[in-house]
Amino acid sequence: MAAVGAARNHLLNHLRHRSFSSASAILNPSDPSAVLTSKQKSRAALALLKSETDPSRIIDICRAAALSPSLSHLDRVALSNAVSVLADSRSFSHVRSLLDSLPRSDLPHSIVLFGQAGMLEDAIRTFRGSNSSSVRTLNALLFACILAGRHDEVGRIFREFPGTHGIASNVETYNTVVKAFCESGTSRSFYSVLDEMCRGGIKPNMTTFCTALAGFYKEERFDDVDKVLELMKKHDCRPGLSAYNVRIQSLCKLKRPGDAKALFKEMMTKEMKPNWVTFNHLIFGFCKHGDLEEAKKFYRQMRGRGCVPDSSCYFTFIYYLCQGGDFEVALSVCKDSMAKNWVPCFSTMKMLVKGLLSNSKVEEAREIMERVKEKFSGNSDMWKELEEALPQ
């Protein structure tokens, strides 16, 4: 018996070693013998998936990294990228193979990813195939409908599934339903959903009202915006920073940055502190409106208040500054961004470098190119045309 046990352990160890070796060979071909941690596997998978287009290879990478969206944000991003590429190439059987093989603990994520791929029938199949349907999987299915662009299905599932599957809806369920109505141009259905929430003893929260505000602004129903603001007070959910940010963003989307600025001033009179999101909306709004001077004022205010934006704020602002021919400020903002190790896309950087060269700022252009080439060494050939144009 001891000999049989030893032989079995030897075989298991051998198979485990082969599994680790094959995973490393896929994720780290330059050093296949290296033993990677879970985080290293996730990072390697994410890097490979950014450029991989072969469906079978994508599946191999995901499985080699043993990606599990319930375990880490990195895994969620990597799987989302994989599903997007597979769906874009219409490799739906590969999406099915990938998501059906995920652990049961990842069921809500699988449902959402099927929605992202536009495979709503598979999302419903996955929901129904679960022996333990819950409000979490129901909410995932409703969100999958939105991602798949099947807003019409949200109402049906919301009406039918809780009863047939013995699930009690929660505030997130109702918020997702409100989101579906608001995204599909039927924001006024919000009132009936709110009434149902109240009858069921579900207290609406800030997300409920902010989603409705965004929907009514999108449909330019400004009387309804005022009604929602009154309802917020009635339900003891007074408009705070998140509500102001939604309103400012909505007005900027409607190309009404002046009204957004007025709301910003209203915030300030109420001694409400804006955050980087507030400034991001205003900067983008005035850039889209062609008013770079106002956008620059808000950028300076943001920095002066110590608000640190995310990379998209820098990238968008640099793009519009270059479009407007303000390459000096674009360079300054670019340096702020690169100090945080955030580099805009090649087309924006190329536009900046060309602008600097046209303004005889050769050394500045050369420095930008060198820093980008250093960070993205694999793309250095893309700069050859501009390098050859540099004065020797």
Protein backbone atom coordinates (compact mmCIF):
# COMPACT_ATOMS: atom_id res chain seq x y z
CA MET A 1 0.00 0.00 0.00
CA ALA A 2 2.83 2.36 0.87
CA ALA A 3 4.39 1.73 -2.53
CA VAL A 4 1.07 2.44 -4.30
CA GLY A 5 0.64 5.67 -2.32
CA ALA A 6 4.17 6.79 -3.11
CA ALA A 7 3.65 6.06 -6.80
CA ARG A 8 0.38 8.01 -6.83
CA ASN A 9 2.00 11.02 -5.13
CA HIS A 10 4.86 10.88 -7.59
CA LEU A 11 2.41 10.88 -10.51
CA LEU A 12 0.42 13.80 -9.04
CA ASN A 13 3.57 15.82 -8.48
CA HIS A 14 4.70 15.05 -12.02
CA LEU A 15 1.35 16.18 -13.49
CA ARG A 16 1.34 19.29 -11.32
CA HIS A 17 4.86 20.16 -12.46
CA ARG A 18 3.86 19.67 -16.09
CA SER A 19 0.84 21.94 -15.56
CA PHE A 20 3.00 24.67 -14.00
CA SER A 21 5.59 24.29 -16.76
CA SER A 22 3.05 24.54 -19.58
CA ALA A 23 1.42 27.59 -17.93
CA SER A 24 4.79 29.31 -17.60
CA ALA A 25 5.65 28.45 -21.19
CA ILE A 26 2.48 30.28 -22.34
CA LEU A 27 2.67 33.23 -19.95
CA ASN A 28 6.43 33.67 -19.77
CA PRO A 29 7.98 32.11 -22.91
CA SER A 30 11.31 33.87 -22.33
CA ASP A 31 11.75 31.85 -19.10
CA PRO A 32 9.40 28.83 -19.14
CA SER A 33 10.97 27.31 -16.03
CA ALA A 34 10.11 30.33 -13.86
CA VAL A 35 7.51 29.78 -11.14
CA LEU A 36 5.00 32.64 -11.27
CA THR A 37 2.77 33.87 -8.45
CA SER A 38 -0.96 34.30 -9.09
CA LYS A 39 -0.51 38.05 -9.44
CA GLN A 40 2.39 37.62 -11.86
CA LYS A 41 0.28 35.23 -13.94
CA SER A 42 -2.57 37.74 -14.05
CA ARG A 43 -0.25 40.57 -15.10
CA ALA A 44 1.40 38.40 -17.76
CA ALA A 45 -2.00 37.34 -19.11
CA LEU A 46 -3.23 40.94 -19.25
CA ALA A 47 -0.11 42.01 -21.15
CA LEU A 48 -0.42 39.16 -23.67
CA LEU A 49 -4.14 39.68 -24.21
CA LYS A 50 -3.61 43.29 -25.25
CA SER A 51 -2.14 42.16 -28.57
CA GLU A 52 -3.44 38.60 -29.02
CA THR A 53 -6.18 38.02 -31.59
CA ASP A 54 -6.14 34.24 -32.12
CA PRO A 55 -9.22 32.82 -30.28
CA SER A 56 -7.60 29.52 -29.28
CA ARG A 57 -4.52 31.32 -28.04
CA ILE A 58 -6.67 33.71 -25.98
CA ILE A 59 -8.36 30.74 -24.28
CA ASP A 60 -4.96 29.16 -23.57
CA ILE A 61 -3.67 32.37 -21.97
CA CYS A 62 -6.74 32.75 -19.74
CA ARG A 63 -6.58 29.14 -18.60
CA ALA A 64 -2.83 29.21 -18.07
CA ALA A 65 -3.30 32.15 -15.70
CA ALA A 66 -6.31 30.46 -14.04
CA LEU A 67 -8.14 33.78 -14.19
CA SER A 68 -10.93 34.16 -11.66
CA PRO A 69 -12.83 37.49 -11.64
CA SER A 70 -14.05 37.01 -8.07
CA LEU A 71 -10.46 36.95 -6.81
CA SER A 72 -8.88 40.08 -8.23
CA HIS A 73 -9.47 43.25 -10.24
CA LEU A 74 -6.62 42.28 -12.58
CA ASP A 75 -8.38 39.03 -13.44
CA ARG A 76 -11.64 40.88 -14.13
CA VAL A 77 -9.89 43.29 -16.50
CA ALA A 78 -8.03 40.48 -18.28
CA LEU A 79 -11.19 38.40 -18.78
CA SER A 80 -13.13 41.45 -19.94
CA ASN A 81 -10.44 42.19 -22.53
CA ALA A 82 -10.44 38.56 -23.66
CA VAL A 83 -14.22 38.47 -24.05
CA SER A 84 -14.24 41.77 -25.97
CA VAL A 85 -11.70 40.51 -28.51
CA LEU A 86 -13.48 37.17 -28.92
CA ALA A 87 -16.88 38.84 -29.33
CA ASP A 88 -15.50 41.36 -31.85
CA SER A 89 -14.21 38.47 -33.96
CA ARG A 90 -17.57 36.70 -33.51
CA SER A 91 -15.84 33.75 -31.84
CA PHE A 92 -18.89 33.07 -29.68
CA SER A 93 -18.14 29.38 -29.17
CA HIS A 94 -14.80 30.38 -27.62
CA VAL A 95 -16.56 32.89 -25.32
CA ARG A 96 -18.91 30.08 -24.26
CA SER A 97 -16.02 27.68 -23.68
CA LEU A 98 -14.11 30.24 -21.61
CA LEU A 99 -16.97 31.42 -19.40
CA ASP A 100 -18.61 28.01 -18.89
CA SER A 101 -15.34 26.74 -17.44
CA LEU A 102 -15.11 29.42 -14.73
CA PRO A 103 -15.68 28.29 -11.10
CA ARG A 104 -19.20 28.51 -9.65
CA SER A 105 -18.05 31.34 -7.40
CA ASP A 106 -17.61 33.40 -10.57
CA LEU A 107 -21.19 32.86 -11.77
CA PRO A 108 -22.33 36.53 -11.50
CA HIS A 109 -19.22 37.62 -13.40
CA SER A 110 -19.83 34.98 -16.09
CA ILE A 111 -23.39 36.27 -16.56
CA VAL A 112 -22.17 39.87 -16.92
CA LEU A 113 -19.43 38.86 -19.38
CA PHE A 114 -21.96 37.00 -21.53
CA GLY A 115 -23.91 40.26 -21.63
CA GLN A 116 -20.77 42.16 -22.59
CA ALA A 117 -20.32 39.73 -25.50
CA GLY A 118 -23.93 40.33 -26.60
CA MET A 119 -24.82 36.71 -25.72
CA LEU A 120 -27.89 37.34 -23.57
CA GLU A 121 -29.39 33.89 -24.19
CA ASP A 122 -26.23 32.36 -22.70
CA ALA A 123 -26.44 34.73 -19.75
CA ILE A 124 -30.02 33.56 -19.11
CA ARG A 125 -28.95 29.92 -19.58
CA THR A 126 -26.17 30.39 -17.01
CA PHE A 127 -28.58 32.02 -14.56
CA ARG A 128 -31.15 29.25 -14.95
CA GLY A 129 -28.50 26.52 -14.76
CA SER A 130 -27.50 27.66 -11.29
CA ASN A 131 -28.93 25.61 -8.44
CA SER A 132 -28.66 28.60 -6.13
CA SER A 133 -30.07 31.64 -7.92
CA SER A 134 -29.72 34.72 -5.74
CA VAL A 135 -30.37 38.43 -5.86
CA ARG A 136 -26.70 38.81 -6.84
CA THR A 137 -27.10 36.63 -9.94
CA LEU A 138 -30.43 38.34 -10.75
CA ASN A 139 -28.76 41.75 -10.61
CA ALA A 140 -25.93 40.43 -12.78
CA LEU A 141 -28.48 39.22 -15.35
CA LEU A 142 -30.27 42.57 -15.42
CA PHE A 143 -26.95 44.35 -15.92
CA ALA A 144 -26.06 41.84 -18.67
CA CYS A 145 -29.25 42.92 -20.50
CA ILE A 146 -28.03 46.53 -20.44
CA LEU A 147 -24.54 45.60 -21.65
CA ALA A 148 -26.07 43.55 -24.47
CA GLY A 149 -28.23 46.51 -25.48
CA ARG A 150 -31.38 44.53 -24.68
CA HIS A 151 -33.06 47.08 -22.45
CA ASP A 152 -36.46 45.67 -23.41
CA GLU A 153 -35.59 42.41 -21.66
CA VAL A 154 -34.90 44.14 -18.34
CA GLY A 155 -38.58 44.76 -17.64
CA ARG A 156 -39.60 41.17 -18.46
CA ILE A 157 -36.87 39.59 -16.35
CA PHE A 158 -37.55 42.00 -13.49
CA ARG A 159 -41.26 41.08 -13.51
CA GLU A 160 -40.91 37.32 -14.01
CA PHE A 161 -37.69 36.02 -12.51
CA PRO A 162 -37.93 37.07 -8.82
CA GLY A 163 -41.24 35.19 -8.48
CA THR A 164 -40.28 32.09 -10.45
CA HIS A 165 -36.90 31.78 -8.72
CA GLY A 166 -37.90 32.86 -5.22
CA ILE A 167 -35.69 35.95 -5.14
CA ALA A 168 -36.37 39.15 -3.19
CA SER A 169 -35.26 42.24 -5.14
CA ASN A 170 -33.00 44.74 -3.37
CA VAL A 171 -32.11 48.39 -3.99
CA GLU A 172 -29.44 47.40 -6.55
CA THR A 173 -32.09 45.48 -8.51
CA TYR A 174 -34.32 48.55 -8.72
CA ASN A 175 -31.37 50.82 -9.52
CA THR A 176 -30.44 48.61 -12.47
CA VAL A 177 -34.03 48.73 -13.74
CA VAL A 178 -34.01 52.55 -13.47
CA LYS A 179 -30.70 52.60 -15.35
CA ALA A 180 -32.22 50.53 -18.17
CA PHE A 181 -35.19 52.87 -18.51
CA CYS A 182 -32.99 55.96 -18.45
CA GLU A 183 -30.56 54.61 -21.04
CA SER A 184 -33.39 53.60 -23.40
CA GLY A 185 -35.13 56.99 -23.45
CA THR A 186 -38.00 56.13 -21.10
CA SER A 187 -36.80 57.93 -17.98
CA ARG A 188 -40.31 58.81 -16.82
CA SER A 189 -40.78 55.11 -15.90
CA PHE A 190 -38.57 56.02 -12.95
CA TYR A 191 -41.61 57.28 -11.04
CA SER A 192 -43.44 53.94 -11.18
CA VAL A 193 -40.28 52.10 -10.13
CA LEU A 194 -39.83 54.50 -7.21
CA ASP A 195 -43.45 53.93 -6.13
CA GLU A 196 -42.92 50.17 -6.22
CA MET A 197 -39.74 50.50 -4.15
CA CYS A 198 -41.60 52.47 -1.51
CA ARG A 199 -44.48 49.99 -1.40
CA GLY A 200 -41.99 47.16 -0.94
CA GLY A 201 -40.12 48.94 1.84
CA ILE A 202 -36.97 49.42 -0.26
CA LYS A 203 -35.36 52.79 0.51
CA PRO A 204 -34.00 54.54 -2.60
CA ASN A 205 -30.41 55.74 -2.35
CA MET A 206 -28.20 58.33 -4.02
CA THR A 207 -27.59 56.02 -7.01
CA THR A 208 -31.35 55.71 -7.61
CA PHE A 209 -31.79 59.47 -7.88
CA CYS A 210 -28.52 60.23 -9.68
CA THR A 211 -29.39 57.68 -12.37
CA ALA A 212 -32.79 59.34 -12.82
CA LEU A 213 -31.18 62.80 -12.98
CA ALA A 214 -28.82 61.68 -15.74
CA GLY A 215 -31.73 60.16 -17.68
CA PHE A 216 -33.90 63.27 -17.47
CA TYR A 217 -31.02 65.54 -18.47
CA LYS A 218 -30.29 63.27 -21.45
CA GLU A 219 -33.91 63.64 -22.57
CA GLU A 220 -33.80 67.37 -21.71
CA ARG A 221 -36.74 67.02 -19.32
CA PHE A 222 -35.67 69.82 -17.01
CA ASP A 223 -39.01 69.97 -15.14
CA ASP A 224 -38.44 66.35 -14.18
CA VAL A 225 -34.92 67.20 -12.99
CA ASP A 226 -36.49 69.67 -10.54
CA LYS A 227 -39.03 67.03 -9.45
CA VAL A 228 -36.24 64.51 -8.73
CA LEU A 229 -34.36 67.08 -6.66
CA GLU A 230 -37.51 67.61 -4.57
CA LEU A 231 -38.03 63.85 -4.23
CA MET A 232 -34.48 63.51 -2.95
CA LYS A 233 -35.27 65.88 -0.10
CA LYS A 234 -38.55 64.06 0.61
CA HIS A 235 -36.69 60.74 0.89
CA ASP A 236 -33.99 62.25 3.12
CA CYS A 237 -31.37 61.89 0.38
CA ARG A 238 -30.14 65.44 0.03
CA PRO A 239 -28.18 66.28 -3.14
CA GLY A 240 -24.49 65.97 -2.37
CA LEU A 241 -21.31 65.98 -4.42
CA SER A 242 -22.24 62.92 -6.50
CA ALA A 243 -25.54 64.54 -7.54
CA TYR A 244 -23.79 67.77 -8.51
CA ASN A 245 -21.19 65.82 -10.49
CA VAL A 246 -23.93 64.01 -12.43
CA ARG A 247 -25.71 67.28 -13.16
CA ILE A 248 -22.50 69.04 -14.24
CA GLN A 249 -21.54 66.12 -16.49
CA SER A 250 -25.03 65.99 -18.01
CA LEU A 251 -25.01 69.72 -18.81
CA CYS A 252 -21.56 69.43 -20.38
CA LYS A 253 -22.81 66.55 -22.54
CA LEU A 254 -25.66 68.81 -23.68
CA LYS A 255 -23.01 71.39 -24.70
CA ARG A 256 -24.11 73.75 -21.94
CA PRO A 257 -20.84 74.25 -20.03
CA GLY A 258 -21.92 77.73 -18.94
CA ASP A 259 -24.83 76.22 -17.00
CA ALA A 260 -22.46 73.59 -15.61
CA LYS A 261 -20.17 76.37 -14.40
CA ALA A 262 -23.14 78.05 -12.70
CA LEU A 263 -23.83 74.79 -10.84
CA PHE A 264 -20.18 74.66 -9.84
CA LYS A 265 -20.49 78.14 -8.34
CA GLU A 266 -23.65 77.03 -6.53
CA MET A 267 -21.65 74.16 -5.02
CA MET A 268 -18.99 76.54 -3.83
CA THR A 269 -21.52 78.87 -2.16
CA LYS A 270 -22.78 75.82 -0.24
CA GLU A 271 -19.19 75.13 0.85
CA MET A 272 -19.24 71.79 -0.92
CA LYS A 273 -15.77 70.62 -1.92
CA PRO A 274 -15.43 69.61 -5.60
CA ASN A 275 -13.30 66.58 -6.42
CA TRP A 276 -11.25 65.67 -9.49
CA VAL A 277 -14.38 64.21 -11.14
CA THR A 278 -16.09 67.62 -10.94
CA PHE A 279 -13.13 69.32 -12.57
CA ASN A 280 -12.76 66.57 -15.16
CA HIS A 281 -16.34 67.10 -16.38
CA LEU A 282 -15.86 70.87 -16.57
CA ILE A 283 -12.50 70.65 -18.36
CA PHE A 284 -13.93 68.21 -20.90
CA GLY A 285 -17.11 70.28 -21.30
CA PHE A 286 -15.29 73.51 -22.07
CA CYS A 287 -12.80 71.70 -24.34
CA LYS A 288 -15.67 70.26 -26.38
CA HIS A 289 -17.20 73.74 -26.50
CA GLY A 290 -13.93 75.13 -27.88
CA ASP A 291 -13.23 77.30 -24.84
CA LEU A 292 -9.69 76.22 -23.91
CA GLU A 293 -9.09 79.28 -21.74
CA GLU A 294 -11.92 78.30 -19.40
CA ALA A 295 -10.74 74.68 -19.44
CA LYS A 296 -7.24 75.82 -18.44
CA LYS A 297 -8.68 77.84 -15.54
CA PHE A 298 -10.41 74.75 -14.18
CA TYR A 299 -7.25 72.67 -14.65
CA ARG A 300 -5.29 75.21 -12.61
CA GLN A 301 -8.03 75.23 -9.95
CA MET A 302 -7.95 71.45 -9.79
CA ARG A 303 -4.20 71.40 -9.24
CA GLY A 304 -4.39 74.26 -6.77
CA ARG A 305 -6.89 72.30 -4.66
CA GLY A 306 -4.66 69.24 -4.68
CA CYS A 307 -7.17 67.13 -6.64
CA VAL A 308 -5.40 64.32 -8.48
CA PRO A 309 -7.22 63.24 -11.66
CA ASP A 310 -7.01 59.88 -13.37
CA SER A 311 -5.13 59.30 -16.62
CA SER A 312 -8.14 59.95 -18.88
CA CYS A 313 -8.39 63.55 -17.67
CA TYR A 314 -4.78 64.25 -18.65
CA PHE A 315 -5.07 62.42 -21.98
CA THR A 316 -8.28 64.21 -23.01
CA PHE A 317 -6.97 67.64 -22.03
CA ILE A 318 -3.67 67.14 -23.89
CA TYR A 319 -5.57 66.05 -27.01
CA TYR A 320 -7.79 69.14 -27.05
CA LEU A 321 -4.90 71.49 -26.28
CA CYS A 322 -3.02 70.07 -29.27
CA GLN A 323 -6.13 70.36 -31.42
CA GLY A 324 -6.37 74.00 -30.38
CA GLY A 325 -2.68 74.66 -31.12
CA ASP A 326 -1.73 75.36 -27.50
CA PHE A 327 1.33 73.12 -27.52
CA GLU A 328 3.14 74.90 -24.68
CA VAL A 329 0.38 74.15 -22.16
CA ALA A 330 -0.09 70.69 -23.71
CA LEU A 331 3.60 70.01 -23.01
CA SER A 332 3.22 71.14 -19.40
CA VAL A 333 0.16 68.92 -18.86
CA CYS A 334 1.93 66.05 -20.61
CA LYS A 335 4.84 66.37 -18.17
CA ASP A 336 2.38 66.29 -15.25
CA SER A 337 0.91 63.11 -16.70
CA MET A 338 4.23 61.42 -17.42
CA ALA A 339 5.42 62.21 -13.90
CA LYS A 340 2.72 59.74 -12.83
CA ASN A 341 3.89 57.25 -15.48
CA TRP A 342 0.81 57.92 -17.65
CA VAL A 343 1.56 58.36 -21.35
CA PRO A 344 -1.14 59.34 -23.89
CA CYS A 345 -1.70 57.29 -27.03
CA PHE A 346 0.72 57.51 -29.96
CA SER A 347 -1.54 59.72 -32.13
CA THR A 348 -1.83 62.37 -29.39
CA MET A 349 1.90 62.27 -28.64
CA LYS A 350 2.70 62.52 -32.34
CA MET A 351 0.42 65.57 -32.62
CA LEU A 352 2.20 67.15 -29.64
CA VAL A 353 5.69 66.48 -31.01
CA LYS A 354 4.74 67.86 -34.44
CA GLY A 355 3.32 70.96 -32.78
CA LEU A 356 6.45 71.51 -30.72
CA LEU A 357 8.60 71.17 -33.84
CA SER A 358 6.44 73.67 -35.70
CA ASN A 359 7.07 76.11 -32.83
CA SER A 360 10.85 75.46 -33.03
CA LYS A 361 10.85 73.66 -29.66
CA VAL A 362 13.18 70.94 -30.96
CA GLU A 363 14.76 69.91 -27.67
CA GLU A 364 11.38 69.59 -25.97
CA ALA A 365 10.12 67.45 -28.87
CA ARG A 366 13.23 65.29 -28.74
CA GLU A 367 12.87 64.81 -24.97
CA ILE A 368 9.23 63.73 -25.30
CA MET A 369 10.11 61.21 -28.02
CA GLU A 370 12.96 59.74 -26.02
CA ARG A 371 10.82 59.31 -22.91
CA VAL A 372 8.03 57.63 -24.85
CA LYS A 373 10.47 55.34 -26.68
CA GLU A 374 12.03 54.42 -23.34
CA LYS A 375 8.66 53.45 -21.91
CA PHE A 376 7.41 51.67 -25.04
CA SER A 377 10.59 50.29 -26.55
CA GLY A 378 8.64 47.93 -28.80
CA ASN A 379 7.06 50.89 -30.61
CA SER A 380 10.25 52.87 -31.27
CA ASP A 381 10.00 52.32 -35.04
CA MET A 382 6.82 54.41 -35.10
CA TRP A 383 8.89 57.53 -34.41
CA LYS A 384 11.32 57.13 -37.33
CA GLU A 385 9.52 59.58 -39.62
CA LEU A 386 9.60 62.35 -37.01
CA GLU A 387 13.15 61.59 -35.91
CA GLU A 388 14.37 61.98 -39.47
CA ALA A 389 12.70 65.40 -39.60
CA LEU A 390 14.60 66.62 -36.54
CA PRO A 391 17.43 69.13 -37.16
CA GLN A 392 20.79 67.40 -36.78
